[in-house]
N, C-alpha and C. Protein backbone atom coordinates (compact mmCIF):
# COMPACT_ATOMS: atom_id res chain seq x y z
N MET A 1 102.94 90.48 71.79
CA MET A 1 103.59 91.23 72.79
C MET A 1 104.81 90.40 73.21
N THR A 2 105.92 91.14 73.54
CA THR A 2 107.16 90.58 74.02
C THR A 2 107.48 91.10 75.36
N LEU A 3 107.98 90.20 76.21
CA LEU A 3 108.37 90.61 77.62
C LEU A 3 109.84 90.36 77.76
N SER A 4 110.61 91.39 78.18
CA SER A 4 112.01 91.25 78.50
C SER A 4 112.12 91.55 79.96
N VAL A 5 112.95 90.76 80.66
CA VAL A 5 113.17 90.86 82.08
C VAL A 5 114.64 90.87 82.38
N LEU A 6 114.96 91.81 83.28
CA LEU A 6 116.37 91.94 83.73
C LEU A 6 116.38 91.84 85.26
N ALA A 7 117.09 90.93 85.80
CA ALA A 7 117.20 90.81 87.26
C ALA A 7 118.27 91.79 87.84
N MET A 8 117.85 92.58 88.80
CA MET A 8 118.73 93.52 89.35
C MET A 8 118.84 93.22 90.90
N LYS A 9 120.03 93.38 91.41
CA LYS A 9 120.22 93.13 92.83
C LYS A 9 119.78 94.34 93.63
N ASN A 10 119.09 94.16 94.74
CA ASN A 10 118.68 95.19 95.59
C ASN A 10 117.99 96.40 94.87
N ALA A 11 117.19 96.10 93.90
CA ALA A 11 116.51 97.14 93.03
C ALA A 11 115.22 97.51 93.69
N GLY A 12 114.70 96.71 94.59
CA GLY A 12 113.41 97.04 95.24
C GLY A 12 112.26 96.55 94.38
N PRO A 13 111.13 97.31 94.43
CA PRO A 13 109.95 96.95 93.66
C PRO A 13 110.27 96.82 92.17
N CYS A 14 109.49 96.06 91.50
CA CYS A 14 109.60 95.85 90.03
C CYS A 14 109.41 97.23 89.30
N ARG A 15 110.17 97.45 88.29
CA ARG A 15 109.97 98.63 87.42
C ARG A 15 109.58 98.15 86.05
N ALA A 16 108.75 98.91 85.36
CA ALA A 16 108.28 98.49 84.03
C ALA A 16 108.42 99.63 83.01
N GLY A 17 108.74 99.23 81.80
CA GLY A 17 108.81 100.18 80.71
C GLY A 17 107.99 99.59 79.52
N PHE A 18 107.44 100.43 78.72
CA PHE A 18 106.51 100.08 77.67
C PHE A 18 106.99 100.70 76.34
N ILE A 19 107.03 99.81 75.29
CA ILE A 19 107.45 100.27 73.96
C ILE A 19 106.32 99.98 72.99
N THR A 20 105.92 101.04 72.30
CA THR A 20 104.95 100.93 71.20
C THR A 20 105.52 101.71 70.00
N THR A 21 105.75 100.99 68.91
CA THR A 21 106.35 101.62 67.79
C THR A 21 105.28 102.17 66.84
N ARG A 22 105.75 103.01 65.90
CA ARG A 22 104.85 103.62 64.93
C ARG A 22 104.16 102.63 64.06
N ALA A 23 104.73 101.43 63.92
CA ALA A 23 104.13 100.43 63.09
C ALA A 23 102.80 99.96 63.61
N ILE A 24 102.57 100.17 64.92
CA ILE A 24 101.24 99.77 65.53
C ILE A 24 100.12 100.64 65.02
N GLY A 25 100.38 101.94 64.86
CA GLY A 25 99.26 102.81 64.43
C GLY A 25 99.58 104.23 64.85
N SER A 26 98.53 105.01 64.85
CA SER A 26 98.66 106.45 65.17
C SER A 26 99.01 106.62 66.66
N ALA A 27 99.33 107.85 67.04
CA ALA A 27 99.71 108.17 68.41
C ALA A 27 98.54 107.86 69.40
N THR A 28 97.33 108.07 68.92
CA THR A 28 96.16 107.78 69.75
C THR A 28 96.09 106.29 70.12
N ILE A 29 96.32 105.48 69.15
CA ILE A 29 96.31 104.03 69.34
C ILE A 29 97.48 103.56 70.23
N ARG A 30 98.64 104.07 69.98
CA ARG A 30 99.83 103.74 70.74
C ARG A 30 99.68 104.13 72.24
N ASN A 31 99.09 105.30 72.44
CA ASN A 31 98.89 105.82 73.82
C ASN A 31 97.82 104.98 74.50
N ARG A 32 96.76 104.50 73.84
CA ARG A 32 95.77 103.66 74.38
C ARG A 32 96.35 102.34 74.87
N ILE A 33 97.23 101.80 73.99
CA ILE A 33 97.87 100.54 74.33
C ILE A 33 98.78 100.72 75.54
N ARG A 34 99.57 101.82 75.58
CA ARG A 34 100.44 102.07 76.74
C ARG A 34 99.63 102.25 78.04
N ARG A 35 98.50 102.93 77.91
CA ARG A 35 97.65 103.13 79.11
C ARG A 35 97.11 101.79 79.61
N CYS A 36 96.70 100.99 78.71
CA CYS A 36 96.21 99.63 79.10
C CYS A 36 97.29 98.80 79.76
N LEU A 37 98.43 98.74 79.12
CA LEU A 37 99.54 97.98 79.66
C LEU A 37 99.95 98.51 81.02
N ARG A 38 100.02 99.81 81.20
CA ARG A 38 100.39 100.45 82.44
C ARG A 38 99.38 100.05 83.53
N GLU A 39 98.12 100.05 83.23
CA GLU A 39 97.08 99.72 84.18
C GLU A 39 97.14 98.16 84.51
N ILE A 40 97.43 97.37 83.53
CA ILE A 40 97.60 95.86 83.78
C ILE A 40 98.74 95.64 84.74
N VAL A 41 99.91 96.25 84.48
CA VAL A 41 101.00 96.04 85.41
C VAL A 41 100.74 96.63 86.81
N ARG A 42 100.11 97.86 86.84
CA ARG A 42 99.70 98.39 88.16
C ARG A 42 98.78 97.52 88.92
N LYS A 43 97.83 96.92 88.26
CA LYS A 43 96.86 96.02 88.86
C LYS A 43 97.51 94.78 89.45
N HIS A 44 98.58 94.29 88.82
CA HIS A 44 99.23 93.10 89.22
C HIS A 44 100.54 93.36 89.90
N GLN A 45 100.83 94.61 90.35
CA GLN A 45 102.14 94.96 90.89
C GLN A 45 102.52 94.24 92.12
N TYR A 46 101.46 93.87 92.87
CA TYR A 46 101.79 93.18 94.24
C TYR A 46 101.96 91.69 94.00
N ASP A 47 101.64 91.18 92.82
CA ASP A 47 101.89 89.80 92.49
C ASP A 47 103.31 89.54 91.94
N LEU A 48 104.00 90.63 91.66
CA LEU A 48 105.41 90.55 91.05
C LEU A 48 106.44 90.35 92.09
N ARG A 49 107.45 89.61 91.76
CA ARG A 49 108.62 89.44 92.61
C ARG A 49 109.40 90.74 92.52
N GLU A 50 110.19 91.00 93.57
CA GLU A 50 110.99 92.25 93.58
C GLU A 50 112.33 91.99 92.84
N ASP A 51 113.07 93.11 92.62
CA ASP A 51 114.37 93.11 92.02
C ASP A 51 114.38 92.67 90.56
N PHE A 52 113.35 93.14 89.81
CA PHE A 52 113.27 92.90 88.41
C PHE A 52 112.92 94.19 87.66
N TRP A 53 113.53 94.41 86.50
CA TRP A 53 113.11 95.43 85.61
C TRP A 53 112.40 94.73 84.38
N ILE A 54 111.32 95.22 83.95
CA ILE A 54 110.52 94.58 82.95
C ILE A 54 110.32 95.62 81.77
N VAL A 55 110.41 95.12 80.56
CA VAL A 55 110.14 95.91 79.31
C VAL A 55 109.07 95.12 78.52
N LEU A 56 107.93 95.73 78.24
CA LEU A 56 106.91 95.17 77.45
C LEU A 56 106.91 95.85 76.07
N ILE A 57 107.02 95.05 74.98
CA ILE A 57 107.02 95.60 73.63
C ILE A 57 105.74 95.09 73.02
N ALA A 58 104.91 96.04 72.62
CA ALA A 58 103.63 95.73 72.04
C ALA A 58 103.78 95.46 70.56
N GLY A 59 103.12 94.43 70.08
CA GLY A 59 103.19 94.07 68.67
C GLY A 59 101.99 94.71 67.91
N ARG A 60 101.96 94.50 66.62
CA ARG A 60 100.89 95.05 65.81
C ARG A 60 99.49 94.59 66.22
N ASP A 61 99.38 93.36 66.65
CA ASP A 61 98.08 92.83 67.00
C ASP A 61 97.52 93.47 68.29
N ALA A 62 98.32 94.18 69.05
CA ALA A 62 97.91 94.84 70.25
C ALA A 62 96.89 95.97 69.95
N ALA A 63 97.00 96.53 68.77
CA ALA A 63 96.12 97.64 68.35
C ALA A 63 94.66 97.20 68.32
N SER A 64 94.41 95.98 67.96
CA SER A 64 93.06 95.50 67.88
C SER A 64 92.61 94.66 69.04
N ALA A 65 93.53 94.43 69.95
CA ALA A 65 93.26 93.54 71.09
C ALA A 65 92.42 94.26 72.17
N SER A 66 91.58 93.53 72.88
CA SER A 66 90.82 94.08 73.95
C SER A 66 91.70 94.16 75.22
N TYR A 67 91.26 94.87 76.20
CA TYR A 67 91.95 94.99 77.47
C TYR A 67 92.18 93.55 78.10
N ARG A 68 91.09 92.77 78.08
CA ARG A 68 91.15 91.35 78.64
C ARG A 68 92.19 90.54 77.87
N ALA A 69 92.24 90.68 76.58
CA ALA A 69 93.19 89.89 75.78
C ALA A 69 94.67 90.33 76.15
N LEU A 70 94.86 91.63 76.31
CA LEU A 70 96.17 92.15 76.69
C LEU A 70 96.54 91.61 78.08
N GLU A 71 95.60 91.63 78.99
CA GLU A 71 95.83 91.17 80.37
C GLU A 71 96.18 89.66 80.36
N ASP A 72 95.44 88.90 79.60
CA ASP A 72 95.70 87.42 79.51
C ASP A 72 97.10 87.20 78.96
N GLU A 73 97.45 87.92 77.94
CA GLU A 73 98.82 87.73 77.35
C GLU A 73 99.88 88.18 78.35
N TRP A 74 99.68 89.22 79.08
CA TRP A 74 100.60 89.66 80.13
C TRP A 74 100.84 88.60 81.19
N LEU A 75 99.66 88.04 81.67
CA LEU A 75 99.81 87.02 82.70
C LEU A 75 100.53 85.76 82.20
N ARG A 76 100.23 85.39 80.92
CA ARG A 76 100.92 84.23 80.34
C ARG A 76 102.39 84.46 80.30
N LEU A 77 102.82 85.67 79.86
CA LEU A 77 104.21 85.97 79.67
C LEU A 77 104.91 86.10 81.06
N ALA A 78 104.20 86.69 82.03
CA ALA A 78 104.81 86.85 83.33
C ALA A 78 104.98 85.46 84.03
N LYS A 79 104.03 84.57 83.89
CA LYS A 79 104.19 83.23 84.42
C LYS A 79 105.33 82.48 83.75
N ARG A 80 105.40 82.62 82.47
CA ARG A 80 106.55 82.02 81.70
C ARG A 80 107.86 82.49 82.13
N ALA A 81 107.99 83.82 82.45
CA ALA A 81 109.24 84.45 82.85
C ALA A 81 109.53 84.22 84.36
N SER A 82 108.61 83.61 85.05
CA SER A 82 108.77 83.35 86.53
C SER A 82 108.95 84.61 87.28
N ILE A 83 108.19 85.67 87.00
CA ILE A 83 108.36 86.88 87.75
C ILE A 83 107.14 87.18 88.70
N LEU A 84 106.19 86.27 88.63
CA LEU A 84 105.09 86.30 89.57
C LEU A 84 105.45 85.68 90.90
N ALA A 85 105.11 86.35 92.00
CA ALA A 85 105.41 85.82 93.35
C ALA A 85 104.59 84.53 93.55
N PRO A 86 105.15 83.60 94.27
CA PRO A 86 104.43 82.33 94.54
C PRO A 86 103.24 82.53 95.46
């Protein structure tokens, strides 16, 4: 998974976009991954700093990853990008 972050002035709450390409698998698999990522970001939305736009790009390994593995990867990337509120 790849995380891209863009700082925006006075943008308010964090916004997130999700990209899943056809290389990952069928539409069913891509939609499942997007639903999981959406739920993970929703679950941690109050932990995020404001004024950021986020784009998550799912890799091929996301198709076989569990929800917990995706969440762990999200938290690792968010901490590394310093978008989690202190």
